[in-house]
């Protein structure tokens, strides 16, 4: 993993450090990697490695499923997850239909 975060989406202003990131800001859903780890651990009652999740989030950012928006003063990434569930669900649906069609065509 590189030392620098990916470039934010061109529709967002240039990143600026913030004091802290809240879970919600206006209508957007924002969270740091640490906040996401805590939420997953609480919800699923399992341990999650923050570095592994951050790598996954960076890859999801590269593919436009989540958006990296800024870095806090403590160096944590802040992620915009507002449309992430819909984007990820759409991608899974497309992949599933594609594989199902290929499987059905192979059955003929």
Protein backbone atom coordinates (compact mmCIF):
# COMPACT_ATOMS: atom_id res chain seq x y z
CA UNK A 1 0.00 0.00 0.00
CA UNK A 2 1.28 3.47 -0.81
CA UNK A 3 1.93 6.12 1.82
CA UNK A 4 -0.43 8.56 0.15
CA UNK A 5 -4.20 8.23 -0.07
CA UNK A 6 -5.89 8.11 -3.45
CA UNK A 7 -6.98 11.36 -5.01
CA UNK A 8 -10.47 12.33 -3.94
CA UNK A 9 -13.23 12.47 -6.49
CA UNK A 10 -13.09 15.66 -8.61
CA UNK A 11 -16.55 16.62 -7.34
CA UNK A 12 -15.18 17.03 -3.79
CA UNK A 13 -12.95 19.92 -2.71
CA UNK A 14 -9.28 19.27 -2.01
CA UNK A 15 -8.80 17.37 1.25
CA UNK A 16 -8.21 19.37 4.39
CA UNK A 17 -7.50 17.99 7.84
CA UNK A 18 -10.46 18.01 10.21
CA UNK A 19 -10.59 17.81 13.99
CA UNK A 20 -12.73 14.68 13.93
CA UNK A 21 -15.09 12.87 11.65
CA UNK A 22 -18.65 12.24 12.65
CA UNK A 23 -20.69 9.33 11.42
CA UNK A 24 -23.17 11.65 9.70
CA UNK A 25 -22.68 15.10 8.22
CA UNK A 26 -25.74 16.70 6.64
CA UNK A 27 -27.11 13.91 4.43
CA UNK A 28 -23.76 12.23 3.81
CA UNK A 29 -22.54 9.26 5.83
CA UNK A 30 -18.91 9.84 6.81
CA UNK A 31 -16.67 7.65 8.94
CA UNK A 32 -13.00 7.07 9.64
CA UNK A 33 -11.46 3.64 9.22
CA UNK A 34 -11.29 3.31 13.02
CA UNK A 35 -15.00 4.14 13.34
CA UNK A 36 -15.84 1.52 10.72
CA UNK A 37 -13.74 -1.10 12.51
CA UNK A 38 -15.53 -0.33 15.79
CA UNK A 39 -18.96 -0.51 14.14
CA UNK A 40 -18.21 -3.84 12.43
CA UNK A 41 -16.77 -5.32 15.63
CA UNK A 42 -19.85 -4.21 17.61
CA UNK A 43 -22.31 -5.44 15.00
CA UNK A 44 -20.69 -8.76 14.13
CA UNK A 45 -18.93 -9.49 17.42
CA UNK A 46 -15.63 -10.23 15.68
CA UNK A 47 -12.14 -8.73 15.55
CA UNK A 48 -11.16 -6.80 12.46
CA UNK A 49 -7.68 -5.61 11.51
CA UNK A 50 -7.78 -1.87 10.77
CA UNK A 51 -4.97 -2.07 8.18
CA UNK A 52 -6.75 -4.84 6.28
CA UNK A 53 -10.01 -2.89 6.23
CA UNK A 54 -8.18 0.22 5.06
CA UNK A 55 -6.63 -1.72 2.16
CA UNK A 56 -10.09 -2.97 1.20
CA UNK A 57 -11.52 0.55 1.42
CA UNK A 58 -8.72 1.92 -0.77
CA UNK A 59 -9.51 -0.71 -3.40
CA UNK A 60 -13.23 0.09 -3.16
CA UNK A 61 -12.33 3.77 -3.61
CA UNK A 62 -10.34 3.00 -6.76
CA UNK A 63 -13.42 1.28 -8.16
CA UNK A 64 -15.79 4.09 -7.05
CA UNK A 65 -17.77 2.09 -4.48
CA UNK A 66 -16.76 4.39 -1.60
CA UNK A 67 -15.13 7.80 -1.68
CA UNK A 68 -12.14 9.01 0.28
CA UNK A 69 -12.83 12.65 1.17
CA UNK A 70 -10.23 13.87 3.63
CA UNK A 71 -7.71 13.01 6.34
CA UNK A 72 -8.14 13.98 9.98
CA UNK A 73 -5.44 15.83 11.92
CA UNK A 74 -4.43 12.48 13.40
CA UNK A 75 -3.89 11.03 9.91
CA UNK A 76 -7.04 8.91 9.64
CA UNK A 77 -8.85 8.62 6.33
CA UNK A 78 -12.45 9.84 6.24
CA UNK A 79 -14.69 7.84 3.93
CA UNK A 80 -17.98 8.91 2.35
CA UNK A 81 -20.17 5.80 2.48
CA UNK A 82 -23.42 7.51 1.49
CA UNK A 83 -24.11 5.51 -1.67
CA UNK A 84 -21.77 2.58 -0.98
CA UNK A 85 -24.48 -0.03 -0.24
CA UNK A 86 -26.31 0.73 -3.50
CA UNK A 87 -23.10 0.83 -5.56
CA UNK A 88 -21.83 -2.45 -4.13
CA UNK A 89 -25.25 -4.14 -4.48
CA UNK A 90 -25.46 -3.05 -8.13
CA UNK A 91 -21.99 -4.45 -8.85
CA UNK A 92 -22.81 -7.75 -7.13
CA UNK A 93 -26.10 -8.01 -9.05
CA UNK A 94 -24.37 -7.41 -12.41
CA UNK A 95 -21.67 -9.99 -11.62
CA UNK A 96 -24.24 -12.51 -10.42
CA UNK A 97 -26.43 -12.14 -13.52
CA UNK A 98 -23.37 -12.40 -15.76
CA UNK A 99 -22.22 -15.63 -14.11
CA UNK A 100 -25.73 -17.04 -14.09
CA UNK A 101 -26.11 -16.33 -17.82
CA UNK A 102 -22.74 -17.95 -18.54
CA UNK A 103 -23.72 -20.98 -16.47
CA UNK A 104 -27.09 -21.31 -18.26
CA UNK A 105 -25.46 -20.98 -21.66
CA UNK A 106 -23.01 -23.73 -20.68
CA UNK A 107 -25.93 -26.02 -19.78
CA UNK A 108 -27.37 -25.94 -23.30
